[in-house]
C-alpha atoms as a PDB file:
ATOM      1  CA  GLN A   1      91.135 101.529 109.259  1.00  0.00           C
ATOM      2  CA  ALA A   2      88.468 104.370 109.050  1.00  0.00           C
ATOM      3  CA  LEU A   3      87.829 102.825 105.157  1.00  0.00           C
ATOM      4  CA  GLN A   4      87.328  99.081 106.663  1.00  0.00           C
ATOM      5  CA  SER A   5      85.280 100.549 109.173  1.00  0.00           C
ATOM      6  CA  SER A   6      83.065 102.059 106.119  1.00  0.00           C
ATOM      7  CA  LEU A   7      83.147  98.356 104.498  1.00  0.00           C
ATOM      8  CA  GLN A   8      81.975  96.837 107.377  1.00  0.00           C
ATOM      9  CA  GLU A   9      78.886  98.860 107.817  1.00  0.00           C
ATOM     10  CA  GLN A  10      78.190  98.711 104.461  1.00  0.00           C
ATOM     11  CA  GLN A  11      78.261  94.713 104.763  1.00  0.00           C
ATOM     12  CA  LYS A  12      75.340  95.011 107.660  1.00  0.00           C
ATOM     13  CA  GLY A  13      73.307  96.849 104.857  1.00  0.00           C
ATOM     14  CA  LEU A  14      74.235  94.589 102.364  1.00  0.00           C
ATOM     15  CA  ASN A  15      72.980  91.667 104.779  1.00  0.00           C
ATOM     16  CA  TYR A  16      69.888  93.574 105.243  1.00  0.00           C
ATOM     17  CA  LEU A  17      69.424  93.654 101.498  1.00  0.00           C
ATOM     18  CA  SER A  18      70.051  90.254 101.504  1.00  0.00           C
ATOM     19  CA  THR A  19      67.526  89.291 104.119  1.00  0.00           C
ATOM     20  CA  THR A  20      64.602  91.603 102.783  1.00  0.00           C
ATOM     21  CA  VAL A  21      65.175  89.874  99.403  1.00  0.00           C
ATOM     22  CA  GLU A  22      64.910  86.376 100.536  1.00  0.00           C
ATOM     23  CA  GLY A  23      61.829  87.283 102.939  1.00  0.00           C
ATOM     24  CA  LEU A  24      60.327  89.234  99.711  1.00  0.00           C
ATOM     25  CA  SER A  25      60.722  86.238  97.754  1.00  0.00           C
ATOM     26  CA  ARG A  26      58.734  83.451  99.832  1.00  0.00           C
ATOM     27  CA  LYS A  27      55.830  85.808  99.563  1.00  0.00           C
ATOM     28  CA  ALA A  28      56.277  86.882  96.222  1.00  0.00           C
ATOM     29  CA  PRO A  29      55.206  84.665  92.833  1.00  0.00           C
ATOM     30  CA  ALA A  30      57.764  82.758  91.189  1.00  0.00           C
ATOM     31  CA  GLU A  31      58.380  85.164  88.260  1.00  0.00           C
ATOM     32  CA  VAL A  32      59.289  88.096  90.468  1.00  0.00           C
ATOM     33  CA  SER A  33      60.706  86.260  93.277  1.00  0.00           C
ATOM     34  CA  GLN A  34      63.165  84.457  90.407  1.00  0.00           C
ATOM     35  CA  SER A  35      64.257  88.374  89.040  1.00  0.00           C
ATOM     36  CA  TYR A  36      64.669  89.354  93.059  1.00  0.00           C
ATOM     37  CA  GLN A  37      67.022  86.726  93.544  1.00  0.00           C
ATOM     38  CA  SER A  38      69.098  87.480  90.533  1.00  0.00           C
ATOM     39  CA  GLU A  39      69.385  91.301  91.017  1.00  0.00           C
ATOM     40  CA  VAL A  40      71.071  90.163  94.561  1.00  0.00           C
ATOM     41  CA  GLU A  41      73.549  88.216  93.163  1.00  0.00           C
ATOM     42  CA  VAL A  42      74.415  90.707  90.703  1.00  0.00           C
ATOM     43  CA  VAL A  43      74.860  92.760  93.762  1.00  0.00           C
ATOM     44  CA  LEU A  44      76.279  90.410  95.849  1.00  0.00           C
ATOM     45  CA  GLY A  45      79.125  89.304  93.144  1.00  0.00           C
ATOM     46  CA  ARG A  46      79.763  93.150  92.529  1.00  0.00           C
ATOM     47  CA  TRP A  47      80.495  93.628  96.348  1.00  0.00           C
ATOM     48  CA  LYS A  48      82.454  90.373  96.492  1.00  0.00           C
ATOM     49  CA  LYS A  49      85.068  91.564  93.765  1.00  0.00           C
ATOM     50  CA  LEU A  50      85.192  94.869  95.066  1.00  0.00           C
ATOM     51  CA  SER A  51      85.557  94.180  98.591  1.00  0.00           C
ATOM     52  CA  ALA A  52      88.542  91.947  97.230  1.00  0.00           C
ATOM     53  CA  LEU A  53      89.814  94.830  94.994  1.00  0.00           C
ATOM     54  CA  LEU A  54      89.973  97.113  98.018  1.00  0.00           C
ATOM     55  CA  ALA A  55      91.651  94.988 100.312  1.00  0.00           C
ATOM     56  CA  GLU A  56      94.131  94.314  97.681  1.00  0.00           C
ATOM     57  CA  HIS A  57      94.566  98.077  97.210  1.00  0.00           C
ATOM     58  CA  CYS A  58      94.942  98.916 101.119  1.00  0.00           C
ATOM     59  CA  GLN A  59      97.456  96.318 101.236  1.00  0.00           C
ATOM     60  CA  LYS A  60      99.323  97.729  98.679  1.00  0.00           C
ATOM     61  CA  LEU A  61      98.747 101.134  99.895  1.00  0.00           C
ATOM     62  CA  GLU A  62      99.855  99.810 103.698  1.00  0.00           C
ATOM     63  CA  GLU A  63     103.243  98.516 101.787  1.00  0.00           C
ATOM     64  CA  ARG A  64     103.912 101.469  99.695  1.00  0.00           C
ATOM     65  CA  ILE A  65     103.511 104.018 103.163  1.00  0.00           C
ATOM     66  CA  THR A  66     106.325 101.470 104.567  1.00  0.00           C
ATOM     67  CA  LYS A  67     108.326 102.171 102.212  1.00  0.00           C
ATOM     68  CA  LEU A  68     108.051 105.738 101.921  1.00  0.00           C
ATOM     69  CA  GLN A  69     108.459 106.052 105.253  1.00  0.00           C
ATOM     70  CA  ARG A  70     112.012 104.636 105.006  1.00  0.00           C
ATOM     71  CA  PHE A  71     112.964 106.861 102.357  1.00  0.00           C
ATOM     72  CA  GLN A  72     112.202 109.603 104.007  1.00  0.00           C
ATOM     73  CA  ASN A  73     114.555 108.297 106.996  1.00  0.00           C
ATOM     74  CA  ASP A  74     117.185 107.372 104.360  1.00  0.00           C
ATOM     75  CA  THR A  75     117.002 110.815 102.740  1.00  0.00           C
ATOM     76  CA  LYS A  76     117.141 112.394 106.316  1.00  0.00           C
ATOM     77  CA  THR A  77     119.892 110.334 107.465  1.00  0.00           C
ATOM     78  CA  LEU A  78     122.102 110.850 104.052  1.00  0.00           C
ATOM     79  CA  LYS A  79     120.886 114.820 104.031  1.00  0.00           C
ATOM     80  CA  LYS A  80     122.699 114.852 107.913  1.00  0.00           C
ATOM     81  CA  TRP A  81     125.577 112.883 106.695  1.00  0.00           C
ATOM     82  CA  MET A  82     125.978 115.574 103.582  1.00  0.00           C
ATOM     83  CA  ALA A  83     125.795 118.357 105.948  1.00  0.00           C
ATOM     84  CA  GLU A  84     128.491 117.129 108.298  1.00  0.00           C
ATOM     85  CA  VAL A  85     130.701 116.586 105.167  1.00  0.00           C
ATOM     86  CA  ASP A  86     130.467 119.812 104.009  1.00  0.00           C
ATOM     87  CA  VAL A  87     131.054 120.973 107.536  1.00  0.00           C
ATOM     88  CA  PHE A  88     134.446 119.152 107.819  1.00  0.00           C
ATOM     89  CA  LEU A  89     135.738 120.524 104.145  1.00  0.00           C
ATOM     90  CA  LYS A  90     134.754 123.510 104.747  1.00  0.00           C
ATOM     91  CA  GLU A  91     136.785 123.505 108.031  1.00  0.00           C
ATOM     92  CA  GLU A  92     139.552 121.268 107.335  1.00  0.00           C
ATOM     93  CA  TRP A  93     141.731 120.991 104.081  1.00  0.00           C
ATOM     94  CA  PRO A  94     142.163 117.170 103.055  1.00  0.00           C
ATOM     95  CA  ALA A  95     145.194 115.742 103.436  1.00  0.00           C
ATOM     96  CA  LEU A  96     145.842 116.035  99.670  1.00  0.00           C
ATOM     97  CA  GLY A  97     148.479 113.542  98.310  1.00  0.00           C
ATOM     98  CA  ASP A  98     148.478 111.509 101.883  1.00  0.00           C
ATOM     99  CA  SER A  99     146.387 109.061 100.998  1.00  0.00           C
ATOM    100  CA  GLU A 100     146.594 107.146 104.597  1.00  0.00           C
ATOM    101  CA  ALA A 101     145.616 110.659 106.226  1.00  0.00           C
ATOM    102  CA  LEU A 102     142.411 111.581 103.772  1.00  0.00           C
ATOM    103  CA  GLU A 103     141.413 108.113 104.959  1.00  0.00           C
ATOM    104  CA  LYS A 104     141.361 108.792 108.463  1.00  0.00           C
ATOM    105  CA  GLN A 105     139.818 112.193 107.624  1.00  0.00           C
ATOM    106  CA  LEU A 106     136.936 111.050 105.602  1.00  0.00           C
ATOM    107  CA  GLU A 107     136.012 108.167 108.452  1.00  0.00           C
ATOM    108  CA  GLN A 108     135.654 110.495 111.170  1.00  0.00           C
ATOM    109  CA  CYS A 109     132.274 111.607 108.785  1.00  0.00           C
END
């Protein structure tokens, strides 16, 4: 959000530049006016490309942050489960040879 806010602030500056060049172009000779317009078009083109690229990268970053949070939650759950299994295995010997009893013990985890 801070990045988007900064982008909006920069957009204001770009709008001012565009308006100023437009005003100067009306008063300047044709050659100078054309030169100003060309330079501003280059700047506006770059701005448009960079803004689109930035938006795309922000979208990807948000998606990856969401995936990371999911992964962290899953890791936390797995660690908790592993700790419970560890406690279970240290407290009780599994019912070796008795597959039904072993299954019930494992379900308790």
